[in-house]
Structures are given as structure tokens and as C-alpha cells.
Protein backbone atom coordinates (compact mmCIF):
# COMPACT_ATOMS: atom_id res chain seq x y z
CA MET A 1 125.01 -129.99 16.78
CA ARG A 2 127.43 -132.41 14.57
CA LYS A 3 124.56 -134.40 13.35
CA SER A 4 122.45 -131.33 12.24
CA THR A 5 125.73 -129.51 10.79
CA VAL A 6 126.49 -132.67 8.81
CA GLN A 7 122.83 -133.12 7.66
CA LYS A 8 122.69 -129.29 6.72
CA GLY A 9 125.82 -129.73 4.36
CA LYS A 10 124.63 -132.77 2.79
CA GLY A 11 121.27 -131.09 2.10
CA THR A 12 123.20 -128.13 0.60
CA VAL A 13 124.94 -130.58 -1.72
CA GLU A 14 121.97 -132.42 -2.47
CA GLU A 15 119.99 -129.27 -3.36
CA ALA A 16 123.19 -128.13 -5.29
CA ALA A 17 123.28 -131.24 -7.37
CA GLY A 18 119.77 -131.44 -8.04
CA ARG A 19 119.69 -127.83 -9.10
CA ALA A 20 123.05 -128.52 -11.38
CA THR A 21 121.44 -131.32 -13.04
CA GLY A 22 117.82 -130.39 -13.14
CA ASP A 23 116.76 -133.23 -10.91
CA THR A 24 114.12 -131.50 -9.17
CA ARG A 25 113.64 -134.60 -6.77
CA LEU A 26 117.27 -134.38 -5.63
CA GLU A 27 116.63 -130.58 -5.09
CA ALA A 28 113.36 -131.05 -3.00
CA GLU A 29 115.64 -133.71 -0.84
CA GLY A 30 118.31 -131.49 -0.43
CA ARG A 31 115.94 -128.85 0.71
CA ALA A 32 114.17 -131.25 3.21
CA ASP A 33 117.30 -132.36 4.69
CA ARG A 34 118.67 -128.71 5.22
CA VAL A 35 115.04 -127.58 6.90
CA ALA A 36 115.33 -131.05 9.05
CA ALA A 37 118.64 -129.88 10.10
CA GLU A 38 118.09 -126.30 10.87
CA ALA A 39 114.85 -127.80 13.16
CA ARG A 40 117.23 -130.17 14.52
CA ALA A 41 119.58 -127.31 15.55
CA ALA A 42 117.10 -125.31 17.19
CA ILE A 43 115.84 -128.25 19.63
CA GLU A 44 119.78 -128.63 20.49
CA ARG A 45 119.80 -125.14 21.51
CA VAL A 46 116.59 -125.13 23.41
CA HIS A 47 117.82 -128.08 24.96
CA GLN A 48 121.11 -126.64 25.84
CA SER A 49 119.58 -123.67 27.37
CA ALA A 50 117.44 -125.63 29.59
CA ARG A 51 120.03 -127.75 31.00
CA ARG A 52 122.24 -124.09 31.74
CA ALA A 53 118.95 -122.78 33.20
CA ARG A 54 118.69 -126.14 35.46
CA ASP A 55 122.74 -125.90 36.59
CA GLY A 56 122.09 -122.24 37.17
CA MET A 57 119.40 -123.18 39.72
CA ARG A 58 121.32 -125.98 41.37
CA ARG A 59 124.12 -123.80 42.08
CA GLY A 60 122.09 -120.65 43.15
CA ASP A 61 123.00 -118.21 40.24
CA PHE A 62 119.33 -117.28 39.82
């Protein structure tokens, strides 16, 4: 989750900087980084959930 958190922060900063300076390209890059980070975080949550389910089945918690 750290990578996605760092990437989301970077995207937010880039987006704000682009908005402040009127640089639409930088703003768009920041938005893209932020969206990619949210997607990465969602994938990581699914992965963790699947791992917990697998471990639960191994222990017989089902």
C-alpha cells in the first residue's frame, strides 16, 4: 500500500501545481498518477482479501 500512497500524494501535488501555474499538462499528469494509485490500491486490497480467505480455508475457518 505504500507505493500507491506515495503515488497518490505525488499525483495530488502535481495536479495542484499544474492548477496553480496554469499548466494543464502537469495537472493532467497529476490526475493520471492519482487515478493509477487508486487502482493500484484497489488491486492490493483484493489481493489481501484473497490471501486472508486462502489462509482461513487452510485453518478451517470457513
